[in-house]
């Protein structure tokens, strides 16, 4: 990003990055970092764009999570309480066991464990 100015900074989900890179690759050649990112996003399962937005909205409204944390949860798709505790390790506000269980229930509605 040499010589580029940051116009806007916001957290987005992996599926949004994937779609953006796929659209961009139709007109332009991707550089090394973009190719690695796209390959990673294609390889690992993700929520659909619609599901991602629904989950983020639900986490923000029902549990009062910050947008940044909600996006992190959608991107990482935690499978258990230990994974969730790692996400909240550096957060100023902590969530209790019941709230973490609610988060896992919300995720399992859209991405059931196999």
Protein backbone atom coordinates (compact mmCIF):
# COMPACT_ATOMS: atom_id res chain seq x y z
CA UNK A 1 0.00 0.00 0.00
CA UNK A 2 2.87 2.33 -0.69
CA UNK A 3 1.59 5.71 -1.78
CA UNK A 4 -2.02 4.95 -0.92
CA UNK A 5 -4.17 6.95 1.47
CA UNK A 6 -6.57 5.25 3.83
CA UNK A 7 -9.99 6.60 2.96
CA UNK A 8 -12.08 4.53 5.33
CA UNK A 9 -11.34 1.89 7.92
CA UNK A 10 -13.91 -0.63 9.11
CA UNK A 11 -14.04 -4.29 10.04
CA UNK A 12 -15.56 -6.55 7.41
CA UNK A 13 -16.19 -10.26 7.24
CA UNK A 14 -14.07 -12.73 5.34
CA UNK A 15 -16.89 -13.43 2.90
CA UNK A 16 -16.99 -9.72 1.98
CA UNK A 17 -13.23 -9.78 1.36
CA UNK A 18 -13.60 -12.92 -0.74
CA UNK A 19 -16.33 -11.40 -2.92
CA UNK A 20 -14.38 -8.17 -3.33
CA UNK A 21 -11.21 -10.03 -4.38
CA UNK A 22 -13.14 -12.24 -6.81
CA UNK A 23 -14.71 -9.18 -8.46
CA UNK A 24 -11.37 -7.38 -8.55
CA UNK A 25 -9.63 -10.42 -10.09
CA UNK A 26 -11.99 -10.38 -13.07
CA UNK A 27 -10.59 -7.05 -14.23
CA UNK A 28 -7.10 -6.95 -12.70
CA UNK A 29 -4.36 -9.37 -11.79
CA UNK A 30 -4.08 -10.07 -8.07
CA UNK A 31 -0.75 -9.56 -6.33
CA UNK A 32 0.83 -12.20 -4.10
CA UNK A 33 -0.86 -11.11 -0.87
CA UNK A 34 -4.26 -10.89 -2.53
CA UNK A 35 -3.84 -14.38 -4.02
CA UNK A 36 -2.86 -15.87 -0.67
CA UNK A 37 -5.82 -14.20 1.01
CA UNK A 38 -8.26 -15.38 -1.64
CA UNK A 39 -6.91 -18.95 -1.53
CA UNK A 40 -7.28 -19.00 2.26
CA UNK A 41 -10.84 -17.68 2.11
CA UNK A 42 -11.85 -20.21 -0.54
CA UNK A 43 -10.31 -23.12 1.35
CA UNK A 44 -12.04 -22.65 4.69
CA UNK A 45 -15.82 -22.69 5.24
CA UNK A 46 -17.53 -19.41 5.83
CA UNK A 47 -21.04 -18.15 6.40
CA UNK A 48 -22.86 -16.67 3.42
CA UNK A 49 -22.89 -12.87 3.16
CA UNK A 50 -26.54 -12.73 4.24
CA UNK A 51 -25.98 -15.08 7.19
CA UNK A 52 -22.89 -13.15 8.26
CA UNK A 53 -24.84 -9.91 8.40
CA UNK A 54 -27.73 -11.56 10.26
CA UNK A 55 -25.36 -13.02 12.84
CA UNK A 56 -23.55 -9.71 13.34
CA UNK A 57 -26.86 -7.88 13.78
CA UNK A 58 -28.10 -10.51 16.22
CA UNK A 59 -24.89 -10.42 18.28
CA UNK A 60 -24.98 -6.63 18.46
CA UNK A 61 -28.68 -6.36 19.29
CA UNK A 62 -29.25 -9.32 21.62
CA UNK A 63 -25.94 -9.35 23.46
CA UNK A 64 -24.75 -5.77 22.99
CA UNK A 65 -21.42 -6.77 21.46
CA UNK A 66 -19.30 -4.21 19.66
CA UNK A 67 -19.26 -4.46 15.86
CA UNK A 68 -15.56 -5.31 15.85
CA UNK A 69 -16.08 -8.29 18.18
CA UNK A 70 -19.13 -9.52 16.28
CA UNK A 71 -17.15 -9.49 13.02
CA UNK A 72 -14.28 -11.36 14.69
CA UNK A 73 -16.69 -14.03 15.90
CA UNK A 74 -18.16 -14.45 12.41
CA UNK A 75 -14.69 -14.62 10.83
CA UNK A 76 -13.25 -17.12 13.30
CA UNK A 77 -16.36 -19.31 13.75
CA UNK A 78 -15.51 -20.47 17.29
CA UNK A 79 -16.58 -24.04 18.02
CA UNK A 80 -16.53 -24.02 21.80
CA UNK A 81 -16.30 -21.91 24.93
CA UNK A 82 -12.48 -21.97 24.95
CA UNK A 83 -12.33 -20.44 21.48
CA UNK A 84 -14.76 -17.72 22.52
CA UNK A 85 -12.79 -16.91 25.66
CA UNK A 86 -9.71 -16.31 23.49
CA UNK A 87 -11.64 -13.82 21.36
CA UNK A 88 -12.72 -11.91 24.48
CA UNK A 89 -9.30 -12.11 26.18
CA UNK A 90 -8.27 -8.56 25.21
CA UNK A 91 -11.71 -7.01 25.27
CA UNK A 92 -12.43 -4.38 27.93
CA UNK A 93 -15.80 -5.93 28.75
CA UNK A 94 -16.03 -9.62 29.48
CA UNK A 95 -18.97 -11.90 28.83
CA UNK A 96 -20.05 -14.61 31.22
CA UNK A 97 -20.58 -18.30 30.48
CA UNK A 98 -24.29 -17.86 29.72
CA UNK A 99 -23.61 -15.16 27.14
CA UNK A 100 -20.89 -17.27 25.52
CA UNK A 101 -23.36 -20.17 25.31
CA UNK A 102 -25.87 -17.84 23.64
CA UNK A 103 -23.23 -16.81 21.09
CA UNK A 104 -22.50 -20.47 20.29
CA UNK A 105 -26.23 -21.16 19.92
CA UNK A 106 -26.58 -18.28 17.47
CA UNK A 107 -23.63 -19.55 15.42
CA UNK A 108 -24.96 -23.12 15.41
CA UNK A 109 -28.27 -21.91 13.95
CA UNK A 110 -26.42 -20.82 10.81
CA UNK A 111 -23.47 -23.22 10.75
CA UNK A 112 -24.39 -26.45 12.55
CA UNK A 113 -21.50 -28.59 13.70
CA UNK A 114 -20.96 -31.75 11.72
